[in-house]
Amino acid sequence: MSPVTNVSFDNTATAFASKSNAELYKMYLLFKAMNSNALVKIGGGLLNTALHLHLPVKFIVKPTIFRHFCGGENLHEVERAIQELGDYNIGAILDYSVEGEGNEKSFDATRDEILRTIEKARNNPHIPFSVFKVTGLVDTGLLEKVQARQELTADERGAFERGRDRVNAICQRCYEAGVRVFVDAEESWFQETVDNLTYEMMALYNKERAIVYNTYQLYRLDRLDVIKRDYAQAVAGGYILGAKPVRGAYMEKERKRAQEQGYQSPINPTKQASDDLYNAALAFCVAHINHISFCAGTHNEASCSLLMELMQEHHIAPDDERVYFAQLYGMSDNLSYNLAKAGYNVAKYVPYGPVDAVMPYLLRRANENTAIAGQSSRELVLIQKEIARRRREKSS
């Protein structure tokens, strides 16, 4: 494969074109802080405690880490992020990141909020996807019980059907509005239940184009085989497979549970094995593009470069609507902005919700930035490079 030469992920002028000098320096301070494992752990613990005690810390959190990684507290506030990204041809994926209370009332409230994001996305070229977690709509224990093939009580069967109805209400609205939707991946001990609900929705709504996308965590040993199986099932069922390959989000939890319960961990033994499986999944999706639409959720530069090369090799135009790249808002702008400038379809996950409710998400982001091999360091180096470039430009 010949490399794609018109995109450089080191081009910081493009990566940070949307940021003023003041915003860039603020980013520098934020990633400098997140580059310290100790600071993230201690600061995260203090923040959690302060929020639990209802201490007034929102005024510190909102203009700093919250503003950087989240679009706002509600759909009105998130307009700023939608426009900021849209100005550079990057789509926004509005991600309602409030972790519900796990009762019927909260499940209905979450469904209604997701429906509002779909209405906001209707006829809006800057919002190409919606997204939801099934655990925001159905009790986790119930999903687990269904996967374990345990007999449900009459009440449980009713609760599960209400959950299915919520999932269907969202997917049906997406179909009617012409908005694609990601069903997020979750823990392996109920992922099969989530998958089966998603396949039902695909069979209903993916006949003409992909509306419903399942998420595949390629740090799991079996996920490439599952993508291949799901592709065959889609072909046989006469619908298009919507796929969002990601690396994964629950590694420590998965390994710990496998060890405690004495079964083989579903996670790849090494990062390289996960990388290889992820890249093989991209190759499979591209090779079967006539029956798969997919979004590569990745912050990995090598995987982005590989996907561009695969697209070139298979004569797939950068703006082919069947292929998207996605990153998280506030991270890896060197990927998102450079890809978008080169004409590729790019979207950012933009979480939103009340500050205190979104704190678990923000603390995960901070921990991931220190845990992902050099992620904060890489962000920091790029920000420093752009600050230096602007100083040279100003002085010349």
Protein backbone atom coordinates (compact mmCIF):
# COMPACT_ATOMS: atom_id res chain seq x y z
CA MET A 1 0.00 0.00 0.00
CA SER A 2 1.29 3.47 -0.82
CA PRO A 3 1.04 5.91 2.10
CA VAL A 4 -1.41 8.80 1.95
CA THR A 5 0.82 11.86 1.78
CA ASN A 6 -1.65 14.75 2.00
CA VAL A 7 -2.32 14.33 5.74
CA SER A 8 0.22 14.97 8.49
CA PHE A 9 -0.86 14.39 12.07
CA ASP A 10 2.06 16.58 13.16
CA ASN A 11 0.53 19.65 11.50
CA THR A 12 -0.28 21.68 14.60
CA ALA A 13 -1.34 24.80 12.68
CA THR A 14 -4.33 22.84 11.37
CA ALA A 15 -4.85 20.85 14.59
CA PHE A 16 -5.26 23.99 16.73
CA ALA A 17 -6.63 26.42 14.14
CA SER A 18 -9.82 26.84 16.17
CA LYS A 19 -7.95 27.80 19.36
CA SER A 20 -6.89 31.31 20.36
CA ASN A 21 -3.52 31.81 22.06
CA ALA A 22 -5.27 32.05 25.43
CA GLU A 23 -7.22 28.83 24.82
CA LEU A 24 -4.06 27.06 23.72
CA TYR A 25 -2.22 28.08 26.90
CA LYS A 26 -5.19 26.93 29.00
CA MET A 27 -5.00 23.55 27.22
CA TYR A 28 -1.28 23.43 27.97
CA LEU A 29 -1.92 23.89 31.71
CA LEU A 30 -4.70 21.28 31.70
CA PHE A 31 -2.67 18.56 29.96
CA LYS A 32 0.38 19.45 32.04
CA ALA A 33 -1.70 18.70 35.15
CA MET A 34 -3.09 15.48 33.64
CA ASN A 35 0.42 14.36 32.80
CA SER A 36 0.92 13.79 36.53
CA ASN A 37 -0.47 10.46 37.74
CA ALA A 38 -0.34 11.55 41.36
CA LEU A 39 -2.15 14.84 40.69
CA VAL A 40 -4.91 13.10 38.73
CA LYS A 41 -5.45 10.48 41.46
CA ILE A 42 -5.37 12.95 44.37
CA GLY A 43 -7.30 15.67 42.53
CA GLY A 44 -9.93 13.19 41.33
CA GLY A 45 -10.45 11.89 44.84
CA LEU A 46 -10.78 15.39 46.27
CA LEU A 47 -13.23 16.42 43.55
CA ASN A 48 -15.40 13.36 44.14
CA THR A 49 -15.44 14.05 47.87
CA ALA A 50 -16.25 17.73 47.37
CA LEU A 51 -19.15 16.92 45.03
CA HIS A 52 -20.44 14.23 47.40
CA LEU A 53 -20.44 16.81 50.23
CA HIS A 54 -22.10 19.36 47.91
CA LEU A 55 -19.19 21.78 48.29
CA PRO A 56 -19.15 24.67 45.77
CA VAL A 57 -16.51 23.38 43.33
CA LYS A 58 -18.53 23.73 40.13
CA PHE A 59 -17.07 27.22 39.52
CA ILE A 60 -13.59 25.59 39.34
CA VAL A 61 -14.57 22.51 37.33
CA LYS A 62 -16.87 24.05 34.70
CA PRO A 63 -14.48 26.54 33.05
CA THR A 64 -11.54 24.10 33.12
CA ILE A 65 -11.72 20.31 32.67
CA PHE A 66 -15.50 20.34 32.02
CA ARG A 67 -15.33 22.98 29.28
CA HIS A 68 -12.43 21.18 27.61
CA PHE A 69 -13.97 17.69 27.47
CA CYS A 70 -17.72 18.48 27.47
CA GLY A 71 -20.05 20.49 25.29
CA GLY A 72 -22.12 21.97 28.10
CA GLU A 73 -24.68 21.15 30.76
CA ASN A 74 -27.65 20.99 28.39
CA LEU A 75 -28.54 20.97 24.68
CA HIS A 76 -28.63 24.77 24.59
CA GLU A 77 -25.07 25.13 25.92
CA VAL A 78 -23.75 22.43 23.58
CA GLU A 79 -24.48 24.66 20.57
CA ARG A 80 -21.08 26.33 21.06
CA ALA A 81 -19.22 23.05 20.53
CA ILE A 82 -21.40 22.05 17.55
CA GLN A 83 -20.63 25.33 15.80
CA GLU A 84 -16.93 25.29 16.73
CA LEU A 85 -16.52 21.83 15.20
CA GLY A 86 -18.85 22.50 12.27
CA ASP A 87 -16.75 25.49 11.20
CA TYR A 88 -13.98 22.98 10.45
CA ASN A 89 -16.23 20.32 8.85
CA ILE A 90 -16.21 18.10 11.93
CA GLY A 91 -19.47 16.57 13.10
CA ALA A 92 -20.68 16.46 16.70
CA ILE A 93 -22.00 13.27 18.31
CA LEU A 94 -24.11 14.48 21.22
CA ASP A 95 -23.47 12.08 24.08
CA TYR A 96 -25.78 12.47 27.09
CA SER A 97 -23.29 11.34 29.72
CA VAL A 98 -25.45 11.28 32.83
CA GLU A 99 -25.34 7.93 34.62
CA GLY A 100 -28.98 7.32 35.60
CA GLU A 101 -30.42 6.05 38.87
CA GLY A 102 -31.41 2.67 37.43
CA ASN A 103 -35.18 2.93 37.86
CA GLU A 104 -38.06 3.13 35.38
CA LYS A 105 -38.42 6.89 35.83
CA SER A 106 -34.75 7.53 35.05
CA PHE A 107 -34.87 5.13 32.07
CA ASP A 108 -37.81 7.09 30.62
CA ALA A 109 -36.03 10.39 31.29
CA THR A 110 -32.90 9.16 29.50
CA ARG A 111 -34.96 7.96 26.51
CA ASP A 112 -36.65 11.37 26.29
CA GLU A 113 -33.30 13.20 26.39
CA ILE A 114 -31.87 10.97 23.63
CA LEU A 115 -34.98 11.72 21.55
CA ARG A 116 -34.25 15.43 22.03
CA THR A 117 -30.70 14.96 20.72
CA ILE A 118 -32.15 13.23 17.65
CA GLU A 119 -34.52 16.13 17.02
CA LYS A 120 -31.58 18.52 17.32
CA ALA A 121 -29.69 16.39 14.78
CA ARG A 122 -32.61 16.26 12.32
CA ASN A 123 -31.63 18.17 9.15
CA ASN A 124 -28.43 19.39 10.86
CA PRO A 125 -25.35 18.44 8.79
CA HIS A 126 -23.13 19.17 11.80
CA ILE A 127 -24.69 16.33 13.89
CA PRO A 128 -24.31 13.13 11.85
CA PHE A 129 -24.87 10.63 14.71
CA SER A 130 -26.72 10.16 17.98
CA VAL A 131 -25.57 7.69 20.64
CA PHE A 132 -26.93 5.84 23.66
CA LYS A 133 -26.07 3.14 26.17
CA VAL A 134 -28.62 0.36 26.64
CA THR A 135 -27.86 0.46 30.40
CA GLY A 136 -29.37 3.95 30.40
CA LEU A 137 -32.68 2.37 29.32
CA VAL A 138 -32.77 -1.09 30.97
CA ASP A 139 -31.62 -2.40 34.34
CA THR A 140 -28.08 -3.82 34.17
CA GLY A 141 -28.94 -6.82 36.35
CA LEU A 142 -31.81 -7.68 34.02
CA LEU A 143 -29.53 -7.55 30.96
CA GLU A 144 -27.11 -9.84 32.77
CA LYS A 145 -29.87 -12.27 33.74
CA VAL A 146 -31.10 -12.46 30.13
CA GLN A 147 -27.56 -13.22 28.92
CA ALA A 148 -27.16 -15.93 31.57
CA ARG A 149 -30.40 -17.49 30.21
CA GLN A 150 -31.98 -17.36 33.65
CA GLU A 151 -35.75 -17.54 33.87
CA LEU A 152 -37.38 -14.13 34.30
CA THR A 153 -40.34 -13.38 36.53
CA ALA A 154 -43.44 -11.81 34.97
CA ASP A 155 -42.36 -8.40 36.33
CA GLU A 156 -38.88 -8.84 34.88
CA ARG A 157 -40.26 -9.83 31.49
CA GLY A 158 -42.38 -6.68 31.52
CA ALA A 159 -39.40 -4.53 32.50
CA PHE A 160 -37.28 -6.03 29.73
CA GLU A 161 -40.01 -5.39 27.14
CA ARG A 162 -40.27 -1.77 28.30
CA GLY A 163 -36.50 -1.49 27.84
CA ARG A 164 -36.75 -2.95 24.35
CA ASP A 165 -39.52 -0.45 23.58
CA ARG A 166 -37.27 2.43 24.67
CA VAL A 167 -34.46 1.18 22.42
CA ASN A 168 -36.93 0.84 19.54
CA ALA A 169 -38.37 4.33 20.14
CA ILE A 170 -34.89 5.82 19.75
CA CYS A 171 -33.95 3.78 16.67
CA GLN A 172 -37.31 4.41 15.00
CA ARG A 173 -36.97 8.17 15.57
CA CYS A 174 -33.46 8.04 14.09
CA TYR A 175 -34.82 6.22 11.04
CA GLU A 176 -37.57 8.80 10.58
CA ALA A 177 -35.16 11.72 11.07
CA GLY A 178 -32.41 10.24 8.88
CA VAL A 179 -29.95 10.34 11.80
CA ARG A 180 -27.54 7.48 12.40
CA VAL A 181 -27.15 6.13 15.94
CA PHE A 182 -24.39 4.31 17.82
CA VAL A 183 -25.31 1.71 20.43
CA ASP A 184 -22.38 1.86 22.85
CA ALA A 185 -20.53 -1.30 23.90
CA GLU A 186 -20.59 -2.33 27.54
CA GLU A 187 -19.29 -5.12 29.82
CA SER A 188 -18.92 -8.63 28.38
CA TRP A 189 -21.28 -10.28 30.90
CA PHE A 190 -24.27 -8.56 29.30
CA GLN A 191 -22.87 -7.40 25.94
CA GLU A 192 -24.56 -10.30 24.13
CA THR A 193 -27.96 -9.00 25.30
CA VAL A 194 -27.04 -5.52 24.05
CA ASP A 195 -25.86 -7.02 20.74
CA ASN A 196 -29.09 -8.97 20.22
CA LEU A 197 -31.24 -5.88 20.81
CA THR A 198 -29.06 -3.99 18.33
CA TYR A 199 -29.36 -6.70 15.67
CA GLU A 200 -33.16 -6.52 16.02
CA MET A 201 -32.99 -2.78 15.36
CA MET A 202 -30.65 -3.22 12.38
CA ALA A 203 -33.02 -5.74 10.78
CA LEU A 204 -35.81 -3.18 11.12
CA TYR A 205 -34.06 0.04 10.15
CA ASN A 206 -30.90 -0.75 8.13
CA LYS A 207 -32.58 -1.98 4.94
CA GLU A 208 -31.71 1.02 2.72
CA ARG A 209 -28.71 2.46 4.60
CA ALA A 210 -27.04 2.00 7.96
CA ILE A 211 -29.00 3.83 10.67
CA VAL A 212 -28.16 1.63 13.69
CA TYR A 213 -24.48 0.90 14.45
CA ASN A 214 -23.23 -1.70 16.92
CA THR A 215 -19.98 -1.02 18.80
CA TYR A 216 -17.21 -3.64 18.81
CA GLN A 217 -14.48 -3.52 21.45
CA LEU A 218 -11.47 -5.01 19.69
CA TYR A 219 -9.49 -5.48 22.89
CA ARG A 220 -11.74 -8.52 23.26
CA LEU A 221 -10.34 -11.74 21.78
CA ASP A 222 -13.47 -12.69 19.86
CA ARG A 223 -14.73 -9.40 18.41
CA LEU A 224 -13.29 -9.73 14.89
CA ASP A 225 -14.99 -13.12 14.62
CA VAL A 226 -18.20 -11.48 15.86
CA ILE A 227 -17.95 -8.73 13.20
CA LYS A 228 -17.53 -11.41 10.52
CA ARG A 229 -20.49 -13.37 11.90
CA ASP A 230 -22.63 -10.22 12.07
CA TYR A 231 -21.69 -9.34 8.49
CA ALA A 232 -22.85 -12.77 7.27
CA GLN A 233 -26.05 -12.42 9.32
CA ALA A 234 -26.72 -8.96 7.80
CA VAL A 235 -26.20 -10.24 4.25
CA ALA A 236 -28.54 -13.18 4.91
CA GLY A 237 -31.10 -10.87 6.54
CA GLY A 238 -31.01 -8.31 3.74
CA TYR A 239 -29.81 -5.34 5.79
CA ILE A 240 -26.60 -3.29 6.08
CA LEU A 241 -24.29 -3.84 9.04
CA GLY A 242 -23.52 -0.65 10.95
CA ALA A 243 -20.25 -1.07 12.87
CA LYS A 244 -18.20 1.13 15.17
CA PRO A 245 -14.85 -0.55 15.92
CA VAL A 246 -13.17 0.80 19.06
CA ARG A 247 -10.37 -0.61 21.19
CA GLY A 248 -12.35 -0.77 24.45
CA ALA A 249 -13.12 0.84 27.79
CA TYR A 250 -13.46 -1.72 30.59
CA MET A 251 -10.16 -3.61 30.55
CA GLU A 252 -9.30 -3.51 34.26
CA LYS A 253 -12.86 -4.37 35.29
CA GLU A 254 -13.04 -7.25 32.79
CA ARG A 255 -9.74 -8.80 33.91
CA LYS A 256 -10.57 -8.40 37.59
CA ARG A 257 -13.97 -10.09 37.24
CA ALA A 258 -12.51 -12.95 35.17
CA GLN A 259 -9.87 -13.54 37.83
CA GLU A 260 -12.38 -13.38 40.71
CA GLN A 261 -14.85 -15.73 39.03
CA GLY A 262 -12.26 -18.11 37.58
CA TYR A 263 -12.91 -17.85 33.84
CA GLN A 264 -10.58 -16.91 31.00
CA SER A 265 -10.26 -13.17 30.53
CA PRO A 266 -11.98 -12.03 27.31
CA ILE A 267 -9.29 -9.36 26.84
CA ASN A 268 -6.30 -9.69 24.52
CA PRO A 269 -3.08 -10.47 26.42
CA THR A 270 -1.11 -7.52 24.98
CA LYS A 271 -1.74 -4.07 23.54
CA GLN A 272 -0.11 -5.22 20.29
CA ALA A 273 -2.65 -8.04 19.99
CA SER A 274 -5.47 -5.51 20.39
CA ASP A 275 -3.87 -3.18 17.83
CA ASP A 276 -3.50 -6.03 15.34
CA LEU A 277 -7.10 -7.13 15.83
CA TYR A 278 -8.36 -3.55 15.51
CA ASN A 279 -6.48 -3.00 12.26
CA ALA A 280 -7.70 -6.36 10.92
CA ALA A 281 -11.26 -5.23 11.69
CA LEU A 282 -10.72 -2.04 9.68
CA ALA A 283 -9.38 -4.10 6.77
CA PHE A 284 -12.41 -6.41 6.92
CA CYS A 285 -14.88 -3.50 6.98
CA VAL A 286 -13.22 -1.78 4.01
CA ALA A 287 -13.06 -5.04 2.03
CA HIS A 288 -16.82 -5.55 2.57
CA ILE A 289 -17.85 -1.89 2.22
CA ASN A 290 -20.79 -2.73 -0.04
CA HIS A 291 -22.58 -4.26 2.93
CA ILE A 292 -20.95 -2.47 5.88
CA SER A 293 -21.00 1.18 6.95
CA PHE A 294 -18.57 1.89 9.76
CA CYS A 295 -17.06 4.51 12.01
CA ALA A 296 -13.50 3.98 13.24
CA GLY A 297 -13.46 5.25 16.82
CA THR A 298 -9.75 5.64 17.46
CA HIS A 299 -7.07 7.96 18.84
CA ASN A 300 -4.35 5.80 17.31
CA GLU A 301 -2.42 7.56 14.54
CA ALA A 302 -1.21 4.32 12.95
CA SER A 303 -4.79 3.01 12.67
CA CYS A 304 -5.97 6.28 11.11
CA SER A 305 -3.11 6.15 8.59
CA LEU A 306 -3.91 2.52 7.81
CA LEU A 307 -7.59 3.30 7.20
CA MET A 308 -6.69 6.13 4.82
CA GLU A 309 -4.40 3.75 2.91
CA LEU A 310 -7.06 1.02 2.79
CA MET A 311 -9.60 3.50 1.45
CA GLN A 312 -7.16 4.61 -1.22
CA GLU A 313 -6.38 1.00 -2.18
CA HIS A 314 -10.11 0.17 -2.50
CA HIS A 315 -10.89 3.41 -4.37
CA ILE A 316 -13.14 4.71 -1.61
CA ALA A 317 -13.43 8.52 -1.69
CA PRO A 318 -12.47 10.33 1.54
CA ASP A 319 -16.01 11.73 1.83
CA ASP A 320 -17.81 8.40 1.21
CA GLU A 321 -20.60 8.47 3.79
CA ARG A 322 -20.06 4.79 4.62
CA VAL A 323 -16.74 5.57 6.38
CA TYR A 324 -16.22 7.89 9.36
CA PHE A 325 -13.39 8.60 11.77
CA ALA A 326 -14.28 9.58 15.36
CA GLN A 327 -12.43 10.92 18.38
CA LEU A 328 -13.45 12.35 21.74
CA TYR A 329 -14.06 16.06 22.12
CA GLY A 330 -11.01 17.72 23.67
CA MET A 331 -8.60 14.99 22.59
CA SER A 332 -6.51 14.18 19.50
CA ASP A 333 -7.34 17.34 17.59
CA ASN A 334 -4.26 16.62 15.47
CA LEU A 335 -6.18 13.64 14.06
CA SER A 336 -9.66 15.15 13.78
CA TYR A 337 -8.78 18.52 12.26
CA ASN A 338 -6.15 17.23 9.83
CA LEU A 339 -8.42 14.42 8.62
CA ALA A 340 -11.34 16.82 8.17
CA LYS A 341 -9.19 19.34 6.28
CA ALA A 342 -8.16 16.53 3.89
CA GLY A 343 -11.84 15.84 3.16
CA TYR A 344 -12.45 12.76 5.33
CA ASN A 345 -15.67 12.32 7.33
CA VAL A 346 -14.85 13.07 10.97
CA ALA A 347 -16.99 13.40 14.09
CA LYS A 348 -16.25 14.08 17.73
CA TYR A 349 -18.07 12.55 20.71
CA VAL A 350 -19.35 15.61 22.62
CA PRO A 351 -20.52 14.63 26.12
CA TYR A 352 -22.96 16.89 27.93
CA GLY A 353 -24.97 16.99 31.14
CA PRO A 354 -24.92 18.72 34.57
CA VAL A 355 -21.36 19.12 35.92
CA ASP A 356 -21.83 16.93 38.99
CA ALA A 357 -23.57 14.18 36.97
CA VAL A 358 -20.82 14.15 34.32
CA MET A 359 -17.95 14.02 36.84
CA PRO A 360 -17.55 10.20 36.62
CA TYR A 361 -17.02 10.63 32.85
CA LEU A 362 -14.50 13.47 33.35
CA LEU A 363 -12.50 11.52 35.92
CA ARG A 364 -12.36 8.53 33.55
CA ARG A 365 -11.05 10.84 30.80
CA ALA A 366 -8.37 12.23 33.11
CA ASN A 367 -7.34 8.73 34.23
CA GLU A 368 -7.31 7.44 30.64
CA ASN A 369 -5.11 10.32 29.55
CA THR A 370 -2.52 9.30 32.10
CA ALA A 371 -3.02 5.56 31.46
CA ILE A 372 -3.01 5.54 27.63
CA ALA A 373 0.64 5.15 26.70
CA GLY A 374 1.86 8.72 26.55
CA GLN A 375 -1.52 10.24 25.59
CA SER A 376 -1.17 13.32 27.80
CA SER A 377 2.50 13.60 26.86
CA ARG A 378 1.61 13.44 23.16
CA GLU A 379 -1.08 16.12 23.56
CA LEU A 380 1.34 18.24 25.56
CA VAL A 381 4.13 17.97 22.97
CA LEU A 382 1.77 19.03 20.18
CA ILE A 383 0.43 21.99 22.18
CA GLN A 384 3.99 23.11 23.02
CA LYS A 385 4.95 22.77 19.37
CA GLU A 386 2.06 25.00 18.28
CA ILE A 387 2.80 27.62 20.96
CA ALA A 388 6.42 27.74 19.74
CA ARG A 389 5.30 27.92 16.09
CA ARG A 390 3.03 30.89 16.83
CA ARG A 391 5.81 32.69 18.70
CA ARG A 392 8.18 32.22 15.77
CA GLU A 393 5.51 33.41 13.35
CA LYS A 394 4.85 36.49 15.48
CA SER A 395 8.52 37.40 15.77
CA SER A 396 9.33 36.91 12.08
